N, C-alpha and C. Protein backbone atom coordinates (compact mmCIF):
# COMPACT_ATOMS: atom_id res chain seq x y z
N MET A 1 17.80 -0.04 -30.29
CA MET A 1 17.19 0.91 -29.40
C MET A 1 18.10 2.14 -29.28
N THR A 2 17.54 3.30 -29.47
CA THR A 2 18.30 4.54 -29.38
C THR A 2 18.40 4.97 -27.93
N GLU A 3 19.59 5.30 -27.52
CA GLU A 3 19.81 5.73 -26.14
C GLU A 3 19.62 7.24 -26.05
N ARG A 4 18.80 7.67 -25.12
CA ARG A 4 18.57 9.09 -24.91
C ARG A 4 19.42 9.58 -23.75
N LEU A 5 20.02 10.73 -23.94
CA LEU A 5 20.77 11.33 -22.85
C LEU A 5 19.80 12.07 -21.94
N ARG A 6 19.99 11.92 -20.69
CA ARG A 6 19.13 12.57 -19.71
C ARG A 6 19.94 13.63 -18.99
N THR A 7 19.42 14.81 -18.93
CA THR A 7 20.11 15.88 -18.23
C THR A 7 19.23 16.38 -17.09
N THR A 8 19.86 16.88 -16.08
CA THR A 8 19.13 17.43 -14.94
C THR A 8 19.53 18.88 -14.74
N LYS A 9 18.66 19.60 -14.08
CA LYS A 9 18.92 20.99 -13.80
C LYS A 9 18.33 21.31 -12.42
N THR A 10 19.15 21.88 -11.57
CA THR A 10 18.68 22.29 -10.24
C THR A 10 18.18 23.72 -10.32
N ILE A 11 16.96 23.91 -9.87
CA ILE A 11 16.35 25.23 -9.89
C ILE A 11 16.11 25.67 -8.45
N ALA A 12 16.66 26.80 -8.09
CA ALA A 12 16.47 27.33 -6.73
C ALA A 12 15.10 27.99 -6.63
N PHE A 13 14.48 27.86 -5.47
CA PHE A 13 13.20 28.50 -5.23
C PHE A 13 13.04 28.72 -3.73
N ASP A 14 12.18 29.62 -3.38
CA ASP A 14 11.93 29.93 -1.97
C ASP A 14 10.64 29.26 -1.51
N LEU A 15 10.68 28.73 -0.30
CA LEU A 15 9.49 28.14 0.32
C LEU A 15 8.85 29.17 1.26
N SER A 16 7.55 29.10 1.36
CA SER A 16 6.89 29.91 2.38
C SER A 16 7.23 29.31 3.74
N GLN A 17 6.92 30.02 4.80
CA GLN A 17 7.20 29.50 6.15
C GLN A 17 6.44 28.18 6.37
N GLU A 18 5.19 28.13 5.93
CA GLU A 18 4.38 26.92 6.10
C GLU A 18 4.97 25.76 5.30
N GLU A 19 5.38 26.01 4.07
CA GLU A 19 5.99 24.97 3.25
C GLU A 19 7.29 24.47 3.87
N LYS A 20 8.09 25.39 4.40
CA LYS A 20 9.36 25.01 5.03
C LYS A 20 9.13 24.14 6.26
N GLU A 21 8.13 24.48 7.06
CA GLU A 21 7.81 23.67 8.24
C GLU A 21 7.38 22.26 7.84
N ILE A 22 6.58 22.16 6.79
CA ILE A 22 6.15 20.84 6.31
C ILE A 22 7.36 20.06 5.79
N TYR A 23 8.17 20.70 4.97
CA TYR A 23 9.34 20.03 4.42
C TYR A 23 10.28 19.56 5.54
N ASP A 24 10.52 20.43 6.51
CA ASP A 24 11.40 20.06 7.62
C ASP A 24 10.81 18.92 8.44
N GLY A 25 9.50 18.94 8.65
CA GLY A 25 8.85 17.85 9.39
C GLY A 25 8.96 16.52 8.66
N VAL A 26 8.73 16.54 7.37
CA VAL A 26 8.85 15.31 6.57
C VAL A 26 10.29 14.82 6.58
N THR A 27 11.24 15.74 6.44
CA THR A 27 12.65 15.37 6.46
C THR A 27 13.04 14.73 7.79
N GLU A 28 12.58 15.30 8.89
CA GLU A 28 12.88 14.74 10.21
C GLU A 28 12.27 13.35 10.36
N TYR A 29 11.03 13.18 9.92
CA TYR A 29 10.35 11.89 9.99
C TYR A 29 11.10 10.84 9.16
N VAL A 30 11.43 11.21 7.94
CA VAL A 30 12.13 10.29 7.04
C VAL A 30 13.50 9.93 7.59
N ARG A 31 14.23 10.93 8.08
CA ARG A 31 15.58 10.68 8.63
C ARG A 31 15.51 9.68 9.78
N TYR A 32 14.56 9.87 10.70
CA TYR A 32 14.42 8.96 11.84
C TYR A 32 14.12 7.53 11.38
N HIS A 33 13.09 7.38 10.53
CA HIS A 33 12.68 6.03 10.12
C HIS A 33 13.70 5.39 9.17
N PHE A 34 14.36 6.20 8.37
CA PHE A 34 15.43 5.67 7.51
C PHE A 34 16.54 5.09 8.37
N ASN A 35 16.97 5.83 9.38
CA ASN A 35 18.06 5.36 10.26
C ASN A 35 17.65 4.13 11.05
N GLN A 36 16.39 4.08 11.52
CA GLN A 36 15.92 2.90 12.24
C GLN A 36 15.93 1.67 11.32
N ALA A 37 15.44 1.84 10.10
CA ALA A 37 15.40 0.72 9.15
C ALA A 37 16.81 0.29 8.77
N LYS A 38 17.70 1.25 8.61
CA LYS A 38 19.08 0.93 8.24
C LYS A 38 19.76 0.12 9.34
N GLN A 39 19.53 0.51 10.59
CA GLN A 39 20.12 -0.23 11.72
C GLN A 39 19.61 -1.66 11.77
N ASN A 40 18.36 -1.86 11.32
CA ASN A 40 17.76 -3.19 11.34
C ASN A 40 17.92 -3.94 10.02
N ASN A 41 18.73 -3.39 9.12
CA ASN A 41 18.95 -4.00 7.80
C ASN A 41 17.65 -4.23 7.05
N ASN A 42 16.71 -3.31 7.20
CA ASN A 42 15.43 -3.43 6.52
C ASN A 42 15.45 -2.54 5.27
N HIS A 43 15.96 -3.10 4.19
CA HIS A 43 16.17 -2.34 2.96
C HIS A 43 14.86 -1.88 2.32
N ASN A 44 13.79 -2.66 2.49
CA ASN A 44 12.51 -2.26 1.92
C ASN A 44 12.01 -0.97 2.55
N VAL A 45 12.17 -0.84 3.85
CA VAL A 45 11.70 0.36 4.54
C VAL A 45 12.58 1.56 4.19
N THR A 46 13.88 1.36 4.10
CA THR A 46 14.75 2.49 3.73
C THR A 46 14.36 3.03 2.37
N PHE A 47 14.09 2.15 1.43
CA PHE A 47 13.67 2.57 0.11
C PHE A 47 12.32 3.28 0.17
N ALA A 48 11.39 2.73 0.92
CA ALA A 48 10.04 3.30 1.02
C ALA A 48 10.05 4.71 1.62
N VAL A 49 10.84 4.95 2.64
CA VAL A 49 10.84 6.29 3.24
C VAL A 49 11.54 7.30 2.33
N MET A 50 12.51 6.85 1.54
CA MET A 50 13.13 7.77 0.58
C MET A 50 12.11 8.18 -0.48
N ILE A 51 11.32 7.24 -0.95
CA ILE A 51 10.27 7.54 -1.93
C ILE A 51 9.21 8.43 -1.30
N LEU A 52 8.86 8.17 -0.05
CA LEU A 52 7.88 8.99 0.66
C LEU A 52 8.31 10.45 0.68
N GLN A 53 9.56 10.72 1.02
CA GLN A 53 10.01 12.11 1.07
C GLN A 53 9.97 12.75 -0.31
N ARG A 54 10.37 12.03 -1.31
CA ARG A 54 10.32 12.58 -2.68
C ARG A 54 8.90 12.95 -3.07
N ARG A 55 7.98 12.05 -2.80
CA ARG A 55 6.59 12.29 -3.19
C ARG A 55 5.98 13.45 -2.40
N LEU A 56 6.20 13.46 -1.11
CA LEU A 56 5.63 14.53 -0.29
C LEU A 56 6.27 15.87 -0.60
N SER A 57 7.56 15.87 -0.82
CA SER A 57 8.27 17.12 -1.08
C SER A 57 7.92 17.69 -2.45
N SER A 58 7.53 16.84 -3.37
CA SER A 58 7.20 17.33 -4.71
C SER A 58 5.76 17.80 -4.80
N SER A 59 4.99 17.62 -3.73
CA SER A 59 3.58 17.97 -3.78
C SER A 59 3.16 18.70 -2.50
N LEU A 60 3.87 19.76 -2.15
CA LEU A 60 3.54 20.51 -0.93
C LEU A 60 2.14 21.09 -1.00
N ALA A 61 1.73 21.54 -2.16
CA ALA A 61 0.39 22.14 -2.28
C ALA A 61 -0.69 21.12 -1.93
N ALA A 62 -0.52 19.89 -2.36
CA ALA A 62 -1.50 18.86 -2.04
C ALA A 62 -1.54 18.56 -0.54
N ILE A 63 -0.39 18.61 0.10
CA ILE A 63 -0.34 18.35 1.54
C ILE A 63 -1.01 19.49 2.31
N ILE A 64 -0.74 20.71 1.91
CA ILE A 64 -1.28 21.88 2.61
C ILE A 64 -2.80 21.91 2.51
N CYS A 65 -3.35 21.46 1.40
CA CYS A 65 -4.82 21.47 1.21
C CYS A 65 -5.50 20.45 2.10
N ARG A 66 -4.80 19.46 2.57
CA ARG A 66 -5.39 18.41 3.39
C ARG A 66 -5.57 18.87 4.77
């Protein structure tokens, strides 16, 4: 099996005010529930809220349309 090298690149971009409010709201929600789950040693929930933020943050346009 050939091993592929994976590279990442961070790209800066500006959010609209509405997008920033959504992102900040999701971040606050995730931070709260992540910390609650961590205190309770609930690893499944900590993982789930991290995935939730990634999915929501990568699809702001879909959230705004709802």
